[in-house]
C-alpha cells in the first residue's frame, strides 16, 4: 500500500464536498511545448481536479482521430519523454497539490528505462500512471516497480471486464479505477449514464477505490449526468479538439488557444459541481 498521495487527498476532499472529480486529459507538447505548458498550468485554475497528461507515442492504439492528431502535433513539435517530465517539474513549481497522472503506452517508458523513468517521474512530481497496453499479467514490468517507487498505477476497466476478470484488474491498482464507458476508441461515441451507473455499482462491489468514468464526455450536461453516479468524470478528446479548433491555418497556436481549453474546462467543472445537486422544485 502507498502512503497517502495527492490523488487520495484530492478524492477525500471532493468526497467531503459531496461532488465528483473533474479529470482532464491533454497531450504533452500539443501543439508545442510552450503552449502546452500554459494549458497544463491553466487546467486546475479553470476547475480541473486531477490532470492526466498524455505521453506522446507514435502508435496510440486506443485513441481515436483527435488524440492521434494531438500526438502527431506533439511529436512533430519535438516532444520527448524528457521534455514531458520537464513540463511536470515546471507545473509543480506553481502547483503542489493538484494530482498529475501520466497516461500513455509502455514503449516510451521501456525505451527510457523503467527504473530511470520511475525515479525521474517521482522526482518531477508525477502521482500516477495509466499505461493502457500493460495487462495485469505484466505487473512485474512496471506496475509493481511503480508502486514500490511511490507512484500509483491506475488500471482501466471496460464494459467487457466481467466479474471473473475484475479481481485481476484491481489487484495492484491504486489511486482510482478508470472505467472506459464505451467499447472502442476515444472520441467516437457518448456514454449512456444509465449503463454507466450500473457499471460503477458493479465495480464498487469489488473495490473501495474511487471510480472515474471517461470516453465520450464532451459537455457540461454530460459531465453532470455521468458525475451523478461516478466518483469522477474524465474528459480528453473534447479538450484536445478545443486545442485543434483554435489553431491557425498554419497549424500553430493562436492567442485564443489556451482560452479555448479553459472555457470548456470551466463548463465541465460547472457540470460536475451540479451533478449531485437536488433538482429545483
C-alpha atoms as a PDB file:
ATOM      1  CA  UNK A   1       0.000   0.000   0.000  1.00  0.00           C
ATOM      2  CA  UNK A   2       1.170   3.508  -0.814  1.00  0.00           C
ATOM      3  CA  UNK A   3       1.164   6.243   1.830  1.00  0.00           C
ATOM      4  CA  UNK A   4      -1.470   8.910   1.196  1.00  0.00           C
ATOM      5  CA  UNK A   5      -0.899  10.525  -2.180  1.00  0.00           C
ATOM      6  CA  UNK A   6      -2.103  13.753  -3.772  1.00  0.00           C
ATOM      7  CA  UNK A   7      -4.753  11.635  -5.519  1.00  0.00           C
ATOM      8  CA  UNK A   8      -6.022  10.252  -2.199  1.00  0.00           C
ATOM      9  CA  UNK A   9      -6.051  13.713  -0.627  1.00  0.00           C
ATOM     10  CA  UNK A  10      -7.977  15.242  -3.532  1.00  0.00           C
ATOM     11  CA  UNK A  11     -10.531  12.421  -3.658  1.00  0.00           C
ATOM     12  CA  UNK A  12     -11.110  12.724   0.109  1.00  0.00           C
ATOM     13  CA  UNK A  13     -11.577  16.486  -0.181  1.00  0.00           C
ATOM     14  CA  UNK A  14     -14.107  16.084  -3.001  1.00  0.00           C
ATOM     15  CA  UNK A  15     -15.960  13.401  -1.066  1.00  0.00           C
ATOM     16  CA  UNK A  16     -16.271  15.850   1.810  1.00  0.00           C
ATOM     17  CA  UNK A  17     -17.646  18.418  -0.666  1.00  0.00           C
ATOM     18  CA  UNK A  18     -20.123  15.833  -1.942  1.00  0.00           C
ATOM     19  CA  UNK A  19     -19.208  16.090  -5.591  1.00  0.00           C
ATOM     20  CA  UNK A  20     -17.358  14.088  -8.236  1.00  0.00           C
ATOM     21  CA  UNK A  21     -13.925  14.972  -9.616  1.00  0.00           C
ATOM     22  CA  UNK A  22     -13.269  16.556 -12.976  1.00  0.00           C
ATOM     23  CA  UNK A  23     -10.317  14.746 -14.539  1.00  0.00           C
ATOM     24  CA  UNK A  24      -8.914  16.450 -17.644  1.00  0.00           C
ATOM     25  CA  UNK A  25      -6.636  14.969 -20.288  1.00  0.00           C
ATOM     26  CA  UNK A  26      -4.372  16.828 -22.702  1.00  0.00           C
ATOM     27  CA  UNK A  27      -1.371  15.611 -24.668  1.00  0.00           C
ATOM     28  CA  UNK A  28       2.042  16.831 -23.536  1.00  0.00           C
ATOM     29  CA  UNK A  29       3.576  19.101 -26.167  1.00  0.00           C
ATOM     30  CA  UNK A  30       0.375  19.752 -28.133  1.00  0.00           C
ATOM     31  CA  UNK A  31       0.542  21.921 -30.171  1.00  0.00           C
ATOM     32  CA  UNK A  32       4.003  22.984 -28.967  1.00  0.00           C
ATOM     33  CA  UNK A  33       5.961  22.949 -25.717  1.00  0.00           C
ATOM     34  CA  UNK A  34       5.254  26.493 -24.548  1.00  0.00           C
ATOM     35  CA  UNK A  35       1.533  26.463 -25.326  1.00  0.00           C
ATOM     36  CA  UNK A  36       1.116  23.005 -23.824  1.00  0.00           C
ATOM     37  CA  UNK A  37       2.754  24.140 -20.587  1.00  0.00           C
ATOM     38  CA  UNK A  38       0.438  27.167 -20.438  1.00  0.00           C
ATOM     39  CA  UNK A  39      -2.572  24.852 -20.909  1.00  0.00           C
ATOM     40  CA  UNK A  40      -1.294  22.471 -18.237  1.00  0.00           C
ATOM     41  CA  UNK A  41      -0.874  25.271 -15.705  1.00  0.00           C
ATOM     42  CA  UNK A  42      -4.306  26.707 -16.576  1.00  0.00           C
ATOM     43  CA  UNK A  43      -6.289  23.483 -16.111  1.00  0.00           C
ATOM     44  CA  UNK A  44      -6.554  23.492 -12.285  1.00  0.00           C
ATOM     45  CA  UNK A  45      -7.359  27.211 -12.237  1.00  0.00           C
ATOM     46  CA  UNK A  46     -10.228  26.547 -14.657  1.00  0.00           C
ATOM     47  CA  UNK A  47     -11.658  23.786 -12.454  1.00  0.00           C
ATOM     48  CA  UNK A  48      -9.764  20.538 -13.163  1.00  0.00           C
ATOM     49  CA  UNK A  49      -9.354  18.439 -10.011  1.00  0.00           C
ATOM     50  CA  UNK A  50      -6.966  15.840 -11.440  1.00  0.00           C
ATOM     51  CA  UNK A  51      -4.834  16.221 -14.564  1.00  0.00           C
ATOM     52  CA  UNK A  52      -3.955  13.424 -16.961  1.00  0.00           C
ATOM     53  CA  UNK A  53      -1.006  14.296 -19.169  1.00  0.00           C
ATOM     54  CA  UNK A  54      -0.569  12.212 -22.299  1.00  0.00           C
ATOM     55  CA  UNK A  55       2.873  10.831 -23.130  1.00  0.00           C
ATOM     56  CA  UNK A  56       3.122  11.114 -26.934  1.00  0.00           C
ATOM     57  CA  UNK A  57       3.727   7.832 -28.746  1.00  0.00           C
ATOM     58  CA  UNK A  58       3.694   7.144 -32.476  1.00  0.00           C
ATOM     59  CA  UNK A  59       1.228   4.232 -32.254  1.00  0.00           C
ATOM     60  CA  UNK A  60      -1.528   5.214 -29.786  1.00  0.00           C
ATOM     61  CA  UNK A  61      -3.742   2.185 -30.436  1.00  0.00           C
ATOM     62  CA  UNK A  62      -6.616   3.037 -28.065  1.00  0.00           C
ATOM     63  CA  UNK A  63      -7.017   6.590 -29.318  1.00  0.00           C
ATOM     64  CA  UNK A  64      -9.430   7.952 -31.856  1.00  0.00           C
ATOM     65  CA  UNK A  65      -8.529  10.559 -34.506  1.00  0.00           C
ATOM     66  CA  UNK A  66      -8.499  13.634 -32.171  1.00  0.00           C
ATOM     67  CA  UNK A  67      -5.855  12.299 -29.765  1.00  0.00           C
ATOM     68  CA  UNK A  68      -3.928  10.612 -32.591  1.00  0.00           C
ATOM     69  CA  UNK A  69      -3.687  14.014 -34.265  1.00  0.00           C
ATOM     70  CA  UNK A  70      -2.657  15.685 -30.996  1.00  0.00           C
ATOM     71  CA  UNK A  71       0.075  13.099 -30.540  1.00  0.00           C
ATOM     72  CA  UNK A  72       1.386  13.779 -34.042  1.00  0.00           C
ATOM     73  CA  UNK A  73       1.373  17.537 -33.441  1.00  0.00           C
ATOM     74  CA  UNK A  74       3.364  16.997 -30.252  1.00  0.00           C
ATOM     75  CA  UNK A  75       5.878  14.609 -31.816  1.00  0.00           C
ATOM     76  CA  UNK A  76       6.325  16.890 -34.821  1.00  0.00           C
ATOM     77  CA  UNK A  77       6.978  19.707 -32.358  1.00  0.00           C
ATOM     78  CA  UNK A  78       9.842  17.757 -30.819  1.00  0.00           C
ATOM     79  CA  UNK A  79       8.122  16.435 -27.702  1.00  0.00           C
ATOM     80  CA  UNK A  80      10.042  13.692 -25.876  1.00  0.00           C
ATOM     81  CA  UNK A  81       9.722  11.942 -22.535  1.00  0.00           C
ATOM     82  CA  UNK A  82      12.495  14.163 -21.174  1.00  0.00           C
ATOM     83  CA  UNK A  83      10.539  17.272 -22.171  1.00  0.00           C
ATOM     84  CA  UNK A  84       7.307  15.854 -20.747  1.00  0.00           C
ATOM     85  CA  UNK A  85       8.952  15.372 -17.354  1.00  0.00           C
ATOM     86  CA  UNK A  86      10.424  18.889 -17.645  1.00  0.00           C
ATOM     87  CA  UNK A  87       6.867  20.177 -18.036  1.00  0.00           C
ATOM     88  CA  UNK A  88       5.748  18.303 -14.922  1.00  0.00           C
ATOM     89  CA  UNK A  89       8.600  19.897 -12.958  1.00  0.00           C
ATOM     90  CA  UNK A  90       7.606  23.341 -14.223  1.00  0.00           C
ATOM     91  CA  UNK A  91       3.972  22.667 -13.272  1.00  0.00           C
ATOM     92  CA  UNK A  92       4.980  21.595  -9.761  1.00  0.00           C
ATOM     93  CA  UNK A  93       6.833  24.868  -9.159  1.00  0.00           C
ATOM     94  CA  UNK A  94       3.431  26.589  -9.149  1.00  0.00           C
ATOM     95  CA  UNK A  95       1.080  23.797  -8.058  1.00  0.00           C
ATOM     96  CA  UNK A  96       1.979  21.392  -5.271  1.00  0.00           C
ATOM     97  CA  UNK A  97      -1.482  19.951  -4.690  1.00  0.00           C
ATOM     98  CA  UNK A  98      -3.198  19.028  -7.975  1.00  0.00           C
ATOM     99  CA  UNK A  99      -2.705  15.319  -8.738  1.00  0.00           C
ATOM    100  CA  UNK A 100      -0.949  14.689 -12.052  1.00  0.00           C
ATOM    101  CA  UNK A 101      -1.135  11.338 -13.838  1.00  0.00           C
ATOM    102  CA  UNK A 102       0.894  10.403 -16.916  1.00  0.00           C
ATOM    103  CA  UNK A 103      -1.139   8.416 -19.427  1.00  0.00           C
ATOM    104  CA  UNK A 104       0.026   6.508 -22.455  1.00  0.00           C
ATOM    105  CA  UNK A 105       1.780   3.377 -23.631  1.00  0.00           C
ATOM    106  CA  UNK A 106       4.632   1.250 -22.372  1.00  0.00           C
ATOM    107  CA  UNK A 107       7.039   1.658 -25.286  1.00  0.00           C
ATOM    108  CA  UNK A 108       8.318   5.179 -24.446  1.00  0.00           C
ATOM    109  CA  UNK A 109       8.777   4.153 -20.793  1.00  0.00           C
ATOM    110  CA  UNK A 110      10.592   0.970 -21.791  1.00  0.00           C
ATOM    111  CA  UNK A 111      12.913   2.905 -24.094  1.00  0.00           C
ATOM    112  CA  UNK A 112      13.582   5.496 -21.378  1.00  0.00           C
ATOM    113  CA  UNK A 113      14.306   2.693 -18.888  1.00  0.00           C
ATOM    114  CA  UNK A 114      11.791   1.692 -16.221  1.00  0.00           C
ATOM    115  CA  UNK A 115      13.976   2.360 -13.180  1.00  0.00           C
ATOM    116  CA  UNK A 116      15.213   5.691 -14.517  1.00  0.00           C
ATOM    117  CA  UNK A 117      11.712   6.698 -15.601  1.00  0.00           C
ATOM    118  CA  UNK A 118      10.131   5.981 -12.231  1.00  0.00           C
ATOM    119  CA  UNK A 119      12.871   7.831 -10.355  1.00  0.00           C
ATOM    120  CA  UNK A 120      12.627  10.848 -12.661  1.00  0.00           C
ATOM    121  CA  UNK A 121       8.812  10.833 -12.717  1.00  0.00           C
ATOM    122  CA  UNK A 122       8.547  10.666  -8.932  1.00  0.00           C
ATOM    123  CA  UNK A 123      11.137  13.428  -8.521  1.00  0.00           C
ATOM    124  CA  UNK A 124       9.304  15.605 -11.064  1.00  0.00           C
ATOM    125  CA  UNK A 125       6.023  15.305  -9.151  1.00  0.00           C
ATOM    126  CA  UNK A 126       4.104  12.606 -11.024  1.00  0.00           C
ATOM    127  CA  UNK A 127       1.449  10.952  -8.849  1.00  0.00           C
ATOM    128  CA  UNK A 128       0.225   8.107 -11.026  1.00  0.00           C
ATOM    129  CA  UNK A 129       0.490   6.200 -14.286  1.00  0.00           C
ATOM    130  CA  UNK A 130      -2.106   4.892 -16.705  1.00  0.00           C
ATOM    131  CA  UNK A 131      -0.428   2.567 -19.194  1.00  0.00           C
ATOM    132  CA  UNK A 132      -3.138   1.154 -21.387  1.00  0.00           C
ATOM    133  CA  UNK A 133      -1.246  -1.683 -23.074  1.00  0.00           C
ATOM    134  CA  UNK A 134       0.097  -3.445 -19.954  1.00  0.00           C
ATOM    135  CA  UNK A 135      -2.382  -6.053 -18.648  1.00  0.00           C
ATOM    136  CA  UNK A 136      -2.272  -7.399 -15.070  1.00  0.00           C
ATOM    137  CA  UNK A 137      -0.300 -10.408 -16.277  1.00  0.00           C
ATOM    138  CA  UNK A 138       2.600  -7.997 -16.904  1.00  0.00           C
ATOM    139  CA  UNK A 139       2.541  -6.321 -13.472  1.00  0.00           C
ATOM    140  CA  UNK A 140       6.209  -7.078 -12.846  1.00  0.00           C
ATOM    141  CA  UNK A 141       7.187  -4.950 -15.858  1.00  0.00           C
ATOM    142  CA  UNK A 142       6.005  -1.619 -14.481  1.00  0.00           C
ATOM    143  CA  UNK A 143       3.070  -1.804 -12.066  1.00  0.00           C
ATOM    144  CA  UNK A 144       4.891  -3.341  -9.107  1.00  0.00           C
ATOM    145  CA  UNK A 145       8.059  -1.236  -9.579  1.00  0.00           C
ATOM    146  CA  UNK A 146       5.836   1.883  -9.784  1.00  0.00           C
ATOM    147  CA  UNK A 147       4.105   1.047  -6.514  1.00  0.00           C
ATOM    148  CA  UNK A 148       7.493   0.422  -4.904  1.00  0.00           C
ATOM    149  CA  UNK A 149       8.629   3.852  -6.144  1.00  0.00           C
ATOM    150  CA  UNK A 150       5.559   5.505  -4.614  1.00  0.00           C
ATOM    151  CA  UNK A 151       3.698   6.105  -7.896  1.00  0.00           C
ATOM    152  CA  UNK A 152       0.082   4.939  -8.201  1.00  0.00           C
ATOM    153  CA  UNK A 153      -0.706   2.513 -11.007  1.00  0.00           C
ATOM    154  CA  UNK A 154      -4.205   3.175 -12.305  1.00  0.00           C
ATOM    155  CA  UNK A 155      -5.940   0.444 -14.253  1.00  0.00           C
ATOM    156  CA  UNK A 156      -8.665   0.566 -16.872  1.00  0.00           C
ATOM    157  CA  UNK A 157     -11.899  -1.410 -16.628  1.00  0.00           C
ATOM    158  CA  UNK A 158     -14.245  -1.628 -19.611  1.00  0.00           C
ATOM    159  CA  UNK A 159     -17.789  -2.793 -20.408  1.00  0.00           C
ATOM    160  CA  UNK A 160     -16.276  -6.174 -21.310  1.00  0.00           C
ATOM    161  CA  UNK A 161     -14.401  -6.573 -17.996  1.00  0.00           C
ATOM    162  CA  UNK A 162     -16.633  -9.168 -16.322  1.00  0.00           C
ATOM    163  CA  UNK A 163     -16.785 -10.178 -12.656  1.00  0.00           C
ATOM    164  CA  UNK A 164     -14.335 -13.002 -13.283  1.00  0.00           C
ATOM    165  CA  UNK A 165     -11.732 -10.628 -14.727  1.00  0.00           C
ATOM    166  CA  UNK A 166     -12.248  -7.670 -12.368  1.00  0.00           C
ATOM    167  CA  UNK A 167     -10.262  -9.040  -9.398  1.00  0.00           C
ATOM    168  CA  UNK A 168      -7.155  -9.426 -11.590  1.00  0.00           C
ATOM    169  CA  UNK A 169      -7.594  -5.912 -12.970  1.00  0.00           C
ATOM    170  CA  UNK A 170      -7.995  -4.456  -9.488  1.00  0.00           C
ATOM    171  CA  UNK A 171      -5.296  -6.498  -7.715  1.00  0.00           C
ATOM    172  CA  UNK A 172      -2.477  -3.919  -7.770  1.00  0.00           C
ATOM    173  CA  UNK A 173      -4.494  -0.872  -8.802  1.00  0.00           C
ATOM    174  CA  UNK A 174      -4.144   2.263  -6.686  1.00  0.00           C
ATOM    175  CA  UNK A 175      -5.308   5.877  -6.866  1.00  0.00           C
ATOM    176  CA  UNK A 176      -8.517   5.198  -8.753  1.00  0.00           C
ATOM    177  CA  UNK A 177     -10.097   2.898 -11.306  1.00  0.00           C
ATOM    178  CA  UNK A 178     -10.621   4.375 -14.768  1.00  0.00           C
ATOM    179  CA  UNK A 179     -13.843   2.995 -16.219  1.00  0.00           C
ATOM    180  CA  UNK A 180     -13.907   3.195 -20.013  1.00  0.00           C
ATOM    181  CA  UNK A 181     -17.612   3.735 -20.584  1.00  0.00           C
ATOM    182  CA  UNK A 182     -17.797   2.652 -24.220  1.00  0.00           C
ATOM    183  CA  UNK A 183     -16.304  -0.139 -26.268  1.00  0.00           C
ATOM    184  CA  UNK A 184     -13.923   1.173 -28.904  1.00  0.00           C
ATOM    185  CA  UNK A 185     -11.506   4.066 -29.200  1.00  0.00           C
ATOM    186  CA  UNK A 186     -11.538   7.535 -27.637  1.00  0.00           C
ATOM    187  CA  UNK A 187     -13.627  10.358 -29.019  1.00  0.00           C
ATOM    188  CA  UNK A 188     -16.058   8.245 -31.030  1.00  0.00           C
ATOM    189  CA  UNK A 189     -19.301   7.951 -29.030  1.00  0.00           C
ATOM    190  CA  UNK A 190     -21.125   9.242 -25.979  1.00  0.00           C
ATOM    191  CA  UNK A 191     -21.606   7.316 -22.755  1.00  0.00           C
ATOM    192  CA  UNK A 192     -25.028   6.147 -21.576  1.00  0.00           C
ATOM    193  CA  UNK A 193     -25.482   7.445 -17.980  1.00  0.00           C
ATOM    194  CA  UNK A 194     -27.805   4.572 -17.009  1.00  0.00           C
ATOM    195  CA  UNK A 195     -25.361   1.907 -18.139  1.00  0.00           C
ATOM    196  CA  UNK A 196     -22.515   3.799 -16.503  1.00  0.00           C
ATOM    197  CA  UNK A 197     -24.366   3.877 -13.173  1.00  0.00           C
ATOM    198  CA  UNK A 198     -24.871   0.101 -13.312  1.00  0.00           C
ATOM    199  CA  UNK A 199     -21.222  -0.499 -14.221  1.00  0.00           C
ATOM    200  CA  UNK A 200     -19.892   1.769 -11.474  1.00  0.00           C
ATOM    201  CA  UNK A 201     -22.042  -0.019  -8.885  1.00  0.00           C
ATOM    202  CA  UNK A 202     -20.726  -3.382 -10.094  1.00  0.00           C
ATOM    203  CA  UNK A 203     -17.074  -2.272  -9.922  1.00  0.00           C
ATOM    204  CA  UNK A 204     -17.601  -0.811  -6.452  1.00  0.00           C
ATOM    205  CA  UNK A 205     -18.741  -4.257  -5.351  1.00  0.00           C
ATOM    206  CA  UNK A 206     -15.120  -5.344  -5.875  1.00  0.00           C
ATOM    207  CA  UNK A 207     -13.111  -2.362  -4.597  1.00  0.00           C
ATOM    208  CA  UNK A 208     -13.073   0.631  -2.272  1.00  0.00           C
ATOM    209  CA  UNK A 209     -11.174   2.689  -4.850  1.00  0.00           C
ATOM    210  CA  UNK A 210     -12.925   5.654  -6.483  1.00  0.00           C
ATOM    211  CA  UNK A 211     -14.226   5.007  -9.991  1.00  0.00           C
ATOM    212  CA  UNK A 212     -13.610   7.704 -12.598  1.00  0.00           C
ATOM    213  CA  UNK A 213     -15.555   7.422 -15.855  1.00  0.00           C
ATOM    214  CA  UNK A 214     -14.235   8.522 -19.232  1.00  0.00           C
ATOM    215  CA  UNK A 215     -14.634   8.232 -23.008  1.00  0.00           C
ATOM    216  CA  UNK A 216     -17.460  10.131 -24.653  1.00  0.00           C
ATOM    217  CA  UNK A 217     -17.963  13.106 -22.309  1.00  0.00           C
ATOM    218  CA  UNK A 218     -17.908  16.402 -24.215  1.00  0.00           C
ATOM    219  CA  UNK A 219     -20.234  18.859 -22.453  1.00  0.00           C
ATOM    220  CA  UNK A 220     -21.129  20.142 -19.014  1.00  0.00           C
ATOM    221  CA  UNK A 221     -24.523  18.426 -19.268  1.00  0.00           C
ATOM    222  CA  UNK A 222     -22.903  15.067 -19.986  1.00  0.00           C
ATOM    223  CA  UNK A 223     -20.428  15.616 -17.146  1.00  0.00           C
ATOM    224  CA  UNK A 224     -23.317  16.274 -14.761  1.00  0.00           C
ATOM    225  CA  UNK A 225     -25.183  13.151 -15.908  1.00  0.00           C
ATOM    226  CA  UNK A 226     -22.162  10.842 -15.555  1.00  0.00           C
ATOM    227  CA  UNK A 227     -20.973  12.506 -12.341  1.00  0.00           C
ATOM    228  CA  UNK A 228     -24.291  11.784 -10.632  1.00  0.00           C
ATOM    229  CA  UNK A 229     -23.135   8.185 -10.093  1.00  0.00           C
ATOM    230  CA  UNK A 230     -19.358   8.200 -10.649  1.00  0.00           C
ATOM    231  CA  UNK A 231     -16.602   9.448  -8.354  1.00  0.00           C
ATOM    232  CA  UNK A 232     -15.189  11.429 -11.246  1.00  0.00           C
ATOM    233  CA  UNK A 233     -15.612  12.325 -14.895  1.00  0.00           C
ATOM    234  CA  UNK A 234     -12.708  12.136 -17.333  1.00  0.00           C
ATOM    235  CA  UNK A 235     -12.656  14.380 -20.416  1.00  0.00           C
ATOM    236  CA  UNK A 236      -9.951  14.177 -23.081  1.00  0.00           C
ATOM    237  CA  UNK A 237     -10.930  14.245 -26.740  1.00  0.00           C
ATOM    238  CA  UNK A 238     -13.172  17.298 -26.320  1.00  0.00           C
ATOM    239  CA  UNK A 239     -10.281  19.284 -24.820  1.00  0.00           C
ATOM    240  CA  UNK A 240      -7.887  18.092 -27.494  1.00  0.00           C
ATOM    241  CA  UNK A 241     -10.445  19.171 -30.116  1.00  0.00           C
ATOM    242  CA  UNK A 242     -10.647  22.598 -28.472  1.00  0.00           C
ATOM    243  CA  UNK A 243      -6.900  22.951 -28.971  1.00  0.00           C
ATOM    244  CA  UNK A 244      -7.140  21.769 -32.575  1.00  0.00           C
ATOM    245  CA  UNK A 245     -10.010  24.092 -33.425  1.00  0.00           C
ATOM    246  CA  UNK A 246      -8.129  27.094 -32.021  1.00  0.00           C
ATOM    247  CA  UNK A 247      -5.059  26.661 -34.216  1.00  0.00           C
ATOM    248  CA  UNK A 248      -4.308  28.969 -37.113  1.00  0.00           C
ATOM    249  CA  UNK A 249      -4.298  27.950 -40.762  1.00  0.00           C
ATOM    250  CA  UNK A 250      -0.607  27.103 -40.377  1.00  0.00           C
ATOM    251  CA  UNK A 251      -1.381  24.695 -37.530  1.00  0.00           C
ATOM    252  CA  UNK A 252       0.260  26.943 -34.981  1.00  0.00           C
ATOM    253  CA  UNK A 253      -1.333  28.154 -31.742  1.00  0.00           C
ATOM    254  CA  UNK A 254      -3.177  31.443 -31.638  1.00  0.00           C
ATOM    255  CA  UNK A 255      -3.938  33.933 -28.872  1.00  0.00           C
ATOM    256  CA  UNK A 256      -7.163  32.007 -28.330  1.00  0.00           C
ATOM    257  CA  UNK A 257      -5.714  28.516 -27.829  1.00  0.00           C
ATOM    258  CA  UNK A 258      -5.379  28.475 -24.036  1.00  0.00           C
ATOM    259  CA  UNK A 259      -8.717  30.238 -23.596  1.00  0.00           C
ATOM    260  CA  UNK A 260     -10.495  27.711 -25.802  1.00  0.00           C
ATOM    261  CA  UNK A 261      -9.426  24.946 -23.436  1.00  0.00           C
ATOM    262  CA  UNK A 262     -10.107  26.798 -20.199  1.00  0.00           C
ATOM    263  CA  UNK A 263     -13.609  27.852 -21.266  1.00  0.00           C
ATOM    264  CA  UNK A 264     -14.545  24.216 -21.876  1.00  0.00           C
ATOM    265  CA  UNK A 265     -12.968  23.132 -18.577  1.00  0.00           C
ATOM    266  CA  UNK A 266     -14.997  25.802 -16.769  1.00  0.00           C
ATOM    267  CA  UNK A 267     -18.197  24.465 -18.385  1.00  0.00           C
ATOM    268  CA  UNK A 268     -17.293  20.879 -17.455  1.00  0.00           C
ATOM    269  CA  UNK A 269     -16.378  21.914 -13.906  1.00  0.00           C
ATOM    270  CA  UNK A 270     -19.763  23.595 -13.527  1.00  0.00           C
ATOM    271  CA  UNK A 271     -21.330  20.331 -14.716  1.00  0.00           C
ATOM    272  CA  UNK A 272     -19.646  18.136 -12.115  1.00  0.00           C
ATOM    273  CA  UNK A 273     -20.455  20.667  -9.402  1.00  0.00           C
ATOM    274  CA  UNK A 274     -24.161  20.381 -10.087  1.00  0.00           C
ATOM    275  CA  UNK A 275     -24.060  16.609 -10.686  1.00  0.00           C
ATOM    276  CA  UNK A 276     -25.499  15.785  -7.281  1.00  0.00           C
ATOM    277  CA  UNK A 277     -27.388  18.962  -6.554  1.00  0.00           C
ATOM    278  CA  UNK A 278     -31.089  18.446  -5.886  1.00  0.00           C
ATOM    279  CA  UNK A 279     -33.315  19.448  -8.774  1.00  0.00           C
ATOM    280  CA  UNK A 280     -35.135  22.754  -8.249  1.00  0.00           C
ATOM    281  CA  UNK A 281     -38.724  22.370  -7.037  1.00  0.00           C
END
